[in-house]
Amino acid sequence: SNPFSMLFAAGNPSQPGAVSFWSSSVSTTSGQDLAGN
């Protein structure tokens, strides 16, 4: 629902003080719900 998707990264991920911002992501889950649908 945002006007744009945002990805910010400061420093190398393993560096002390490194920061990352993700406004959204798409995750993969099971192809069926709890009822098997």
Full PDB file with SEQRES, HELIX, SHEET, SSBOND, CRYST1, ORIGX, SCALE, CONECT and MASTER records, all heavy atoms in Angstrom:
SEQRES   1 A   37  SER ASN PRO PHE SER MET LEU PHE ALA ALA GLY ASN PRO          
SEQRES   2 A   37  SER GLN PRO GLY ALA VAL SER PHE TRP SER SER SER VAL          
SEQRES   3 A   37  SER THR THR SER GLY GLN ASP LEU ALA GLY ASN                  
SHEET    1 AA1 2 LEU A   7  ALA A  10  0                                        
SHEET    2 AA1 2 VAL A  19  TRP A  22 -1                                        
CRYST1    1.000    1.000    1.000  90.00  90.00  90.00 P 1           1          
ORIGX1      1.000000  0.000000  0.000000        0.00000                         
ORIGX2      0.000000  1.000000  0.000000        0.00000                         
ORIGX3      0.000000  0.000000  1.000000        0.00000                         
SCALE1      1.000000  0.000000  0.000000        0.00000                         
SCALE2      0.000000  1.000000  0.000000        0.00000                         
SCALE3      0.000000  0.000000  1.000000        0.00000                         
ATOM      1  N   SER A   1       0.804  -1.225   0.000  1.00  0.00           N  
ATOM      2  CA  SER A   1       0.000   0.000   0.000  1.00  0.00           C  
ATOM      3  C   SER A   1       0.833   1.270   0.000  1.00  0.00           C  
ATOM      4  O   SER A   1       0.282   2.360   0.045  1.00  0.00           O  
ATOM      5  CB  SER A   1      -0.937   0.002   1.217  1.00  0.00           C  
ATOM      6  OG  SER A   1      -0.191  -0.074   2.427  1.00  0.00           O  
ATOM      7  N   ASN A   2       2.145   1.163  -0.040  1.00  0.00           N  
ATOM      8  CA  ASN A   2       3.012   2.337  -0.045  1.00  0.00           C  
ATOM      9  C   ASN A   2       3.159   2.896  -1.456  1.00  0.00           C  
ATOM     10  O   ASN A   2       2.950   2.179  -2.440  1.00  0.00           O  
ATOM     11  CB  ASN A   2       4.384   1.960   0.512  1.00  0.00           C  
ATOM     12  CG  ASN A   2       4.328   1.589   1.987  1.00  0.00           C  
ATOM     13  OD1 ASN A   2       3.624   2.232   2.759  1.00  0.00           O  
ATOM     14  ND2 ASN A   2       5.051   0.552   2.379  1.00  0.00           N  
ATOM     15  N   PRO A   3       3.550   4.179  -1.581  1.00  0.00           N  
ATOM     16  CA  PRO A   3       3.732   4.760  -2.920  1.00  0.00           C  
ATOM     17  C   PRO A   3       4.881   4.123  -3.693  1.00  0.00           C  
ATOM     18  O   PRO A   3       4.907   4.171  -4.916  1.00  0.00           O  
ATOM     19  CB  PRO A   3       3.998   6.240  -2.639  1.00  0.00           C  
ATOM     20  CG  PRO A   3       4.478   6.285  -1.228  1.00  0.00           C  
ATOM     21  CD  PRO A   3       3.769   5.182  -0.519  1.00  0.00           C  
ATOM     22  N   PHE A   4       5.821   3.534  -2.978  1.00  0.00           N  
ATOM     23  CA  PHE A   4       6.922   2.797  -3.599  1.00  0.00           C  
ATOM     24  C   PHE A   4       7.486   1.828  -2.574  1.00  0.00           C  
ATOM     25  O   PHE A   4       7.250   1.942  -1.370  1.00  0.00           O  
ATOM     26  CB  PHE A   4       8.025   3.744  -4.112  1.00  0.00           C  
ATOM     27  CG  PHE A   4       8.369   4.864  -3.170  1.00  0.00           C  
ATOM     28  CD1 PHE A   4       9.086   4.636  -1.990  1.00  0.00           C  
ATOM     29  CD2 PHE A   4       7.958   6.165  -3.437  1.00  0.00           C  
ATOM     30  CE1 PHE A   4       9.387   5.664  -1.121  1.00  0.00           C  
ATOM     31  CE2 PHE A   4       8.257   7.211  -2.572  1.00  0.00           C  
ATOM     32  CZ  PHE A   4       8.974   6.963  -1.412  1.00  0.00           C  
ATOM     33  N   SER A   5       8.218   0.849  -3.074  1.00  0.00           N  
ATOM     34  CA  SER A   5       8.895  -0.086  -2.191  1.00  0.00           C  
ATOM     35  C   SER A   5      10.293   0.442  -1.910  1.00  0.00           C  
ATOM     36  O   SER A   5      10.966   0.967  -2.801  1.00  0.00           O  
ATOM     37  CB  SER A   5       8.966  -1.467  -2.854  1.00  0.00           C  
ATOM     38  OG  SER A   5       9.482  -2.427  -1.960  1.00  0.00           O  
ATOM     39  N   MET A   6      10.742   0.318  -0.673  1.00  0.00           N  
ATOM     40  CA  MET A   6      11.999   0.932  -0.232  1.00  0.00           C  
ATOM     41  C   MET A   6      12.949  -0.122   0.316  1.00  0.00           C  
ATOM     42  O   MET A   6      12.541  -1.025   1.053  1.00  0.00           O  
ATOM     43  CB  MET A   6      11.686   1.976   0.847  1.00  0.00           C  
ATOM     44  CG  MET A   6      12.899   2.620   1.491  1.00  0.00           C  
ATOM     45  SD  MET A   6      12.430   3.714   2.863  1.00  0.00           S  
ATOM     46  CE  MET A   6      11.932   2.507   4.108  1.00  0.00           C  
ATOM     47  N   LEU A   7      14.210   0.011  -0.062  1.00  0.00           N  
ATOM     48  CA  LEU A   7      15.269  -0.837   0.485  1.00  0.00           C  
ATOM     49  C   LEU A   7      16.476   0.052   0.782  1.00  0.00           C  
ATOM     50  O   LEU A   7      17.044   0.668  -0.126  1.00  0.00           O  
ATOM     51  CB  LEU A   7      15.660  -1.937  -0.503  1.00  0.00           C  
ATOM     52  CG  LEU A   7      16.888  -2.777  -0.150  1.00  0.00           C  
ATOM     53  CD1 LEU A   7      16.698  -3.467   1.198  1.00  0.00           C  
ATOM     54  CD2 LEU A   7      17.196  -3.793  -1.242  1.00  0.00           C  
ATOM     55  N   PHE A   8      16.844   0.117   2.059  1.00  0.00           N  
ATOM     56  CA  PHE A   8      17.992   0.916   2.479  1.00  0.00           C  
ATOM     57  C   PHE A   8      18.998   0.015   3.182  1.00  0.00           C  
ATOM     58  O   PHE A   8      18.618  -0.865   3.967  1.00  0.00           O  
ATOM     59  CB  PHE A   8      17.565   2.036   3.436  1.00  0.00           C  
ATOM     60  CG  PHE A   8      18.708   2.814   4.005  1.00  0.00           C  
ATOM     61  CD1 PHE A   8      19.315   3.839   3.290  1.00  0.00           C  
ATOM     62  CD2 PHE A   8      19.207   2.518   5.278  1.00  0.00           C  
ATOM     63  CE1 PHE A   8      20.388   4.546   3.817  1.00  0.00           C  
ATOM     64  CE2 PHE A   8      20.267   3.219   5.812  1.00  0.00           C  
ATOM     65  CZ  PHE A   8      20.865   4.235   5.083  1.00  0.00           C  
ATOM     66  N   ALA A   9      20.270   0.247   2.899  1.00  0.00           N  
ATOM     67  CA  ALA A   9      21.339  -0.531   3.539  1.00  0.00           C  
ATOM     68  C   ALA A   9      22.504   0.394   3.863  1.00  0.00           C  
ATOM     69  O   ALA A   9      22.987   1.127   2.998  1.00  0.00           O  
ATOM     70  CB  ALA A   9      21.804  -1.660   2.631  1.00  0.00           C  
ATOM     71  N   ALA A  10      22.934   0.358   5.125  1.00  0.00           N  
ATOM     72  CA  ALA A  10      24.096   1.127   5.577  1.00  0.00           C  
ATOM     73  C   ALA A  10      25.159   0.145   6.056  1.00  0.00           C  
ATOM     74  O   ALA A  10      24.937  -0.597   7.019  1.00  0.00           O  
ATOM     75  CB  ALA A  10      23.712   2.083   6.700  1.00  0.00           C  
ATOM     76  N   GLY A  11      26.326   0.141   5.371  1.00  0.00           N  
ATOM     77  CA  GLY A  11      27.430  -0.739   5.762  1.00  0.00           C  
ATOM     78  C   GLY A  11      27.253  -2.167   5.309  1.00  0.00           C  
ATOM     79  O   GLY A  11      26.216  -2.583   4.772  1.00  0.00           O  
ATOM     80  N   ASN A  12      28.275  -2.944   5.546  1.00  0.00           N  
ATOM     81  CA  ASN A  12      28.245  -4.377   5.271  1.00  0.00           C  
ATOM     82  C   ASN A  12      27.411  -5.081   6.337  1.00  0.00           C  
ATOM     83  O   ASN A  12      27.503  -4.735   7.517  1.00  0.00           O  
ATOM     84  CB  ASN A  12      29.683  -4.905   5.266  1.00  0.00           C  
ATOM     85  CG  ASN A  12      29.762  -6.342   4.817  1.00  0.00           C  
ATOM     86  OD1 ASN A  12      29.338  -7.236   5.538  1.00  0.00           O  
ATOM     87  ND2 ASN A  12      30.321  -6.558   3.634  1.00  0.00           N  
ATOM     88  N   PRO A  13      26.589  -6.085   5.951  1.00  0.00           N  
ATOM     89  CA  PRO A  13      25.705  -6.710   6.950  1.00  0.00           C  
ATOM     90  C   PRO A  13      26.420  -7.239   8.185  1.00  0.00           C  
ATOM     91  O   PRO A  13      25.826  -7.272   9.276  1.00  0.00           O  
ATOM     92  CB  PRO A  13      25.056  -7.854   6.161  1.00  0.00           C  
ATOM     93  CG  PRO A  13      25.086  -7.393   4.745  1.00  0.00           C  
ATOM     94  CD  PRO A  13      26.361  -6.616   4.598  1.00  0.00           C  
ATOM     95  N   SER A  14      27.675  -7.654   8.070  1.00  0.00           N  
ATOM     96  CA  SER A  14      28.392  -8.208   9.235  1.00  0.00           C  
ATOM     97  C   SER A  14      29.158  -7.149  10.012  1.00  0.00           C  
ATOM     98  O   SER A  14      29.775  -7.452  11.049  1.00  0.00           O  
ATOM     99  CB  SER A  14      29.372  -9.291   8.767  1.00  0.00           C  
ATOM    100  OG  SER A  14      30.339  -8.746   7.865  1.00  0.00           O  
ATOM    101  N   GLN A  15      29.105  -5.906   9.563  1.00  0.00           N  
ATOM    102  CA  GLN A  15      29.831  -4.820  10.219  1.00  0.00           C  
ATOM    103  C   GLN A  15      29.058  -4.306  11.441  1.00  0.00           C  
ATOM    104  O   GLN A  15      27.830  -4.171  11.387  1.00  0.00           O  
ATOM    105  CB  GLN A  15      30.048  -3.678   9.223  1.00  0.00           C  
ATOM    106  CG  GLN A  15      30.811  -2.489   9.776  1.00  0.00           C  
ATOM    107  CD  GLN A  15      30.979  -1.393   8.730  1.00  0.00           C  
ATOM    108  OE1 GLN A  15      30.636  -1.583   7.559  1.00  0.00           O  
ATOM    109  NE2 GLN A  15      31.511  -0.249   9.167  1.00  0.00           N  
ATOM    110  N   PRO A  16      29.722  -4.033  12.558  1.00  0.00           N  
ATOM    111  CA  PRO A  16      29.020  -3.465  13.722  1.00  0.00           C  
ATOM    112  C   PRO A  16      28.353  -2.133  13.364  1.00  0.00           C  
ATOM    113  O   PRO A  16      28.972  -1.266  12.742  1.00  0.00           O  
ATOM    114  CB  PRO A  16      30.131  -3.271  14.760  1.00  0.00           C  
ATOM    115  CG  PRO A  16      31.175  -4.256  14.374  1.00  0.00           C  
ATOM    116  CD  PRO A  16      31.143  -4.311  12.870  1.00  0.00           C  
ATOM    117  N   GLY A  17      27.099  -1.991  13.712  1.00  0.00           N  
ATOM    118  CA  GLY A  17      26.363  -0.765  13.417  1.00  0.00           C  
ATOM    119  C   GLY A  17      25.667  -0.768  12.066  1.00  0.00           C  
ATOM    120  O   GLY A  17      24.974   0.209  11.733  1.00  0.00           O  
ATOM    121  N   ALA A  18      25.818  -1.832  11.277  1.00  0.00           N  
ATOM    122  CA  ALA A  18      25.149  -1.898   9.974  1.00  0.00           C  
ATOM    123  C   ALA A  18      23.629  -1.937  10.158  1.00  0.00           C  
ATOM    124  O   ALA A  18      23.112  -2.604  11.064  1.00  0.00           O  
ATOM    125  CB  ALA A  18      25.626  -3.122   9.204  1.00  0.00           C  
ATOM    126  N   VAL A  19      22.942  -1.216   9.266  1.00  0.00           N  
ATOM    127  CA  VAL A  19      21.476  -1.092   9.373  1.00  0.00           C  
ATOM    128  C   VAL A  19      20.852  -1.450   8.034  1.00  0.00           C  
ATOM    129  O   VAL A  19      21.391  -1.114   6.971  1.00  0.00           O  
ATOM    130  CB  VAL A  19      21.064   0.339   9.767  1.00  0.00           C  
ATOM    131  CG1 VAL A  19      19.550   0.448   9.889  1.00  0.00           C  
ATOM    132  CG2 VAL A  19      21.723   0.745  11.074  1.00  0.00           C  
ATOM    133  N   SER A  20      19.712  -2.105   8.077  1.00  0.00           N  
ATOM    134  CA  SER A  20      18.955  -2.396   6.854  1.00  0.00           C  
ATOM    135  C   SER A  20      17.476  -2.126   7.075  1.00  0.00           C  
ATOM    136  O   SER A  20      16.924  -2.478   8.123  1.00  0.00           O  
ATOM    137  CB  SER A  20      19.148  -3.862   6.431  1.00  0.00           C  
ATOM    138  OG  SER A  20      18.662  -4.745   7.430  1.00  0.00           O  
ATOM    139  N   PHE A  21      16.856  -1.461   6.074  1.00  0.00           N  
ATOM    140  CA  PHE A  21      15.422  -1.176   6.085  1.00  0.00           C  
ATOM    141  C   PHE A  21      14.775  -1.846   4.870  1.00  0.00           C  
ATOM    142  O   PHE A  21      15.249  -1.662   3.744  1.00  0.00           O  
ATOM    143  CB  PHE A  21      15.147   0.335   5.999  1.00  0.00           C  
ATOM    144  CG  PHE A  21      15.547   1.125   7.213  1.00  0.00           C  
ATOM    145  CD1 PHE A  21      15.634   2.519   7.142  1.00  0.00           C  
ATOM    146  CD2 PHE A  21      15.826   0.520   8.419  1.00  0.00           C  
ATOM    147  CE1 PHE A  21      15.997   3.266   8.253  1.00  0.00           C  
ATOM    148  CE2 PHE A  21      16.193   1.256   9.541  1.00  0.00           C  
ATOM    149  CZ  PHE A  21      16.279   2.633   9.449  1.00  0.00           C  
ATOM    150  N   TRP A  22      13.713  -2.603   5.091  1.00  0.00           N  
ATOM    151  CA  TRP A  22      12.907  -3.163   4.026  1.00  0.00           C  
ATOM    152  C   TRP A  22      11.460  -2.728   4.259  1.00  0.00           C  
ATOM    153  O   TRP A  22      10.889  -3.014   5.313  1.00  0.00           O  
ATOM    154  CB  TRP A  22      12.956  -4.693   4.024  1.00  0.00           C  
ATOM    155  CG  TRP A  22      14.278  -5.301   3.651  1.00  0.00           C  
ATOM    156  CD1 TRP A  22      15.449  -5.205   4.336  1.00  0.00           C  
ATOM    157  CD2 TRP A  22      14.540  -6.119   2.512  1.00  0.00           C  
ATOM    158  NE1 TRP A  22      16.441  -5.906   3.703  1.00  0.00           N  
ATOM    159  CE2 TRP A  22      15.913  -6.500   2.564  1.00  0.00           C  
ATOM    160  CE3 TRP A  22      13.765  -6.608   1.450  1.00  0.00           C  
ATOM    161  CZ2 TRP A  22      16.506  -7.298   1.600  1.00  0.00           C  
ATOM    162  CZ3 TRP A  22      14.356  -7.411   0.496  1.00  0.00           C  
ATOM    163  CH2 TRP A  22      15.714  -7.746   0.564  1.00  0.00           C  
ATOM    164  N   SER A  23      10.862  -2.077   3.266  1.00  0.00           N  
ATOM    165  CA  SER A  23       9.462  -1.666   3.448  1.00  0.00           C  
ATOM    166  C   SER A  23       8.512  -2.846   3.292  1.00  0.00           C  
ATOM    167  O   SER A  23       7.425  -2.854   3.877  1.00  0.00           O  
ATOM    168  CB  SER A  23       9.094  -0.571   2.444  1.00  0.00           C  
ATOM    169  OG  SER A  23       9.116  -1.074   1.114  1.00  0.00           O  
ATOM    170  N   SER A  24       8.914  -3.870   2.519  1.00  0.00           N  
ATOM    171  CA  SER A  24       8.057  -5.036   2.316  1.00  0.00           C  
ATOM    172  C   SER A  24       8.891  -6.185   1.770  1.00  0.00           C  
ATOM    173  O   SER A  24      10.042  -5.994   1.342  1.00  0.00           O  
ATOM    174  CB  SER A  24       6.914  -4.716   1.341  1.00  0.00           C  
ATOM    175  OG  SER A  24       7.443  -4.454   0.048  1.00  0.00           O  
ATOM    176  N   SER A  25       8.302  -7.365   1.773  1.00  0.00           N  
ATOM    177  CA  SER A  25       8.938  -8.539   1.177  1.00  0.00           C  
ATOM    178  C   SER A  25       7.859  -9.554   0.837  1.00  0.00           C  
ATOM    179  O   SER A  25       6.737  -9.473   1.346  1.00  0.00           O  
ATOM    180  CB  SER A  25       9.969  -9.162   2.126  1.00  0.00           C  
ATOM    181  OG  SER A  25       9.318  -9.751   3.243  1.00  0.00           O  
ATOM    182  N   VAL A  26       8.209 -10.499  -0.026  1.00  0.00           N  
ATOM    183  CA  VAL A  26       7.299 -11.582  -0.386  1.00  0.00           C  
ATOM    184  C   VAL A  26       7.922 -12.876   0.106  1.00  0.00           C  
ATOM    185  O   VAL A  26       9.005 -13.264  -0.327  1.00  0.00           O  
ATOM    186  CB  VAL A  26       7.041 -11.637  -1.898  1.00  0.00           C  
ATOM    187  CG1 VAL A  26       6.130 -12.812  -2.239  1.00  0.00           C  
ATOM    188  CG2 VAL A  26       6.413 -10.332  -2.381  1.00  0.00           C  
ATOM    189  N   SER A  27       7.226 -13.521   1.027  1.00  0.00           N  
ATOM    190  CA  SER A  27       7.713 -14.762   1.609  1.00  0.00           C  
ATOM    191  C   SER A  27       6.962 -15.947   1.010  1.00  0.00           C  
ATOM    192  O   SER A  27       5.808 -15.825   0.585  1.00  0.00           O  
ATOM    193  CB  SER A  27       7.519 -14.739   3.128  1.00  0.00           C  
ATOM    194  OG  SER A  27       7.909 -15.956   3.715  1.00  0.00           O  
ATOM    195  N   THR A  28       7.622 -17.083   0.959  1.00  0.00           N  
ATOM    196  CA  THR A  28       7.011 -18.308   0.436  1.00  0.00           C  
ATOM    197  C   THR A  28       6.545 -19.174   1.599  1.00  0.00           C  
ATOM    198  O   THR A  28       7.314 -19.479   2.513  1.00  0.00           O  
ATOM    199  CB  THR A  28       7.998 -19.089  -0.433  1.00  0.00           C  
ATOM    200  OG1 THR A  28       8.451 -18.247  -1.499  1.00  0.00           O  
ATOM    201  CG2 THR A  28       7.338 -20.329  -1.014  1.00  0.00           C  
ATOM    202  N   THR A  29       5.280 -19.560   1.557  1.00  0.00           N  
ATOM    203  CA  THR A  29       4.699 -20.388   2.607  1.00  0.00           C  
ATOM    204  C   THR A  29       4.132 -21.663   1.978  1.00  0.00           C  
ATOM    205  O   THR A  29       4.338 -21.940   0.792  1.00  0.00           O  
ATOM    206  CB  THR A  29       3.576 -19.634   3.340  1.00  0.00           C  
ATOM    207  OG1 THR A  29       2.542 -19.304   2.399  1.00  0.00           O  
ATOM    208  CG2 THR A  29       4.096 -18.350   3.956  1.00  0.00           C  
ATOM    209  N   SER A  30       3.415 -22.423   2.770  1.00  0.00           N  
ATOM    210  CA  SER A  30       2.795 -23.647   2.281  1.00  0.00           C  
ATOM    211  C   SER A  30       1.719 -23.335   1.250  1.00  0.00           C  
ATOM    212  O   SER A  30       1.034 -22.302   1.331  1.00  0.00           O  
ATOM    213  CB  SER A  30       2.179 -24.430   3.449  1.00  0.00           C  
ATOM    214  OG  SER A  30       1.422 -25.519   2.975  1.00  0.00           O  
ATOM    215  N   GLY A  31       1.571 -24.204   0.268  1.00  0.00           N  
ATOM    216  CA  GLY A  31       0.542 -24.033  -0.747  1.00  0.00           C  
ATOM    217  C   GLY A  31      -0.833 -24.438  -0.273  1.00  0.00           C  
ATOM    218  O   GLY A  31      -1.791 -24.385  -1.053  1.00  0.00           O  
ATOM    219  N   GLN A  32      -0.972 -24.833   1.006  1.00  0.00           N  
ATOM    220  CA  GLN A  32      -2.256 -25.210   1.578  1.00  0.00           C  
ATOM    221  C   GLN A  32      -2.428 -24.541   2.931  1.00  0.00           C  
ATOM    222  O   GLN A  32      -1.449 -24.356   3.662  1.00  0.00           O  
ATOM    223  CB  GLN A  32      -2.361 -26.735   1.744  1.00  0.00           C  
ATOM    224  CG  GLN A  32      -2.383 -27.518   0.437  1.00  0.00           C  
ATOM    225  CD  GLN A  32      -2.521 -29.007   0.673  1.00  0.00           C  
ATOM    226  OE1 GLN A  32      -2.241 -29.500   1.764  1.00  0.00           O  
ATOM    227  NE2 GLN A  32      -2.967 -29.738  -0.344  1.00  0.00           N  
ATOM    228  N   ASP A  33      -3.688 -24.215   3.245  1.00  0.00           N  
ATOM    229  CA  ASP A  33      -3.957 -23.660   4.570  1.00  0.00           C  
ATOM    230  C   ASP A  33      -4.134 -24.802   5.570  1.00  0.00           C  
ATOM    231  O   ASP A  33      -3.948 -25.986   5.231  1.00  0.00           O  
ATOM    232  CB  ASP A  33      -5.192 -22.753   4.533  1.00  0.00           C  
ATOM    233  CG  ASP A  33      -6.451 -23.484   4.081  1.00  0.00           C  
ATOM    234  OD1 ASP A  33      -6.450 -24.737   4.079  1.00  0.00           O  
ATOM    235  OD2 ASP A  33      -7.438 -22.805   3.739  1.00  0.00           O  
ATOM    236  N   LEU A  34      -4.501 -24.462   6.820  1.00  0.00           N  
ATOM    237  CA  LEU A  34      -4.613 -25.472   7.866  1.00  0.00           C  
ATOM    238  C   LEU A  34      -5.705 -26.498   7.573  1.00  0.00           C  
ATOM    239  O   LEU A  34      -5.645 -27.631   8.059  1.00  0.00           O  
ATOM    240  CB  LEU A  34      -4.888 -24.788   9.205  1.00  0.00           C  
ATOM    241  CG  LEU A  34      -3.761 -23.875   9.728  1.00  0.00           C  
ATOM    242  CD1 LEU A  34      -4.190 -23.215  11.035  1.00  0.00           C  
ATOM    243  CD2 LEU A  34      -2.476 -24.665   9.916  1.00  0.00           C  
ATOM    244  N   ALA A  35      -6.711 -26.106   6.770  1.00  0.00           N  
ATOM    245  CA  ALA A  35      -7.801 -27.017   6.427  1.00  0.00           C  
ATOM    246  C   ALA A  35      -7.485 -27.860   5.190  1.00  0.00           C  
ATOM    247  O   ALA A  35      -8.309 -28.669   4.770  1.00  0.00           O  
ATOM    248  CB  ALA A  35      -9.095 -26.254   6.208  1.00  0.00           C  
ATOM    249  N   GLY A  36      -6.305 -27.651   4.601  1.00  0.00           N  
ATOM    250  CA  GLY A  36      -5.931 -28.405   3.420  1.00  0.00           C  
ATOM    251  C   GLY A  36      -6.366 -27.791   2.112  1.00  0.00           C  
ATOM    252  O   GLY A  36      -6.185 -28.388   1.043  1.00  0.00           O  
ATOM    253  N   ASN A  37      -6.954 -26.593   2.167  1.00  0.00           N  
ATOM    254  CA  ASN A  37      -7.391 -25.926   0.944  1.00  0.00           C  
ATOM    255  C   ASN A  37      -6.195 -25.284   0.241  1.00  0.00           C  
ATOM    256  O   ASN A  37      -5.309 -24.736   0.892  1.00  0.00           O  
ATOM    257  CB  ASN A  37      -8.437 -24.856   1.267  1.00  0.00           C  
ATOM    258  CG  ASN A  37      -9.648 -25.433   1.957  1.00  0.00           C  
ATOM    259  OD1 ASN A  37     -10.169 -26.470   1.549  1.00  0.00           O  
ATOM    260  ND2 ASN A  37     -10.108 -24.767   3.018  1.00  0.00           N  
TER     261      ASN A  37                                                      
MASTER        0    0    0    0    2    0    0    6  260    1    0    3          
END                                                                             
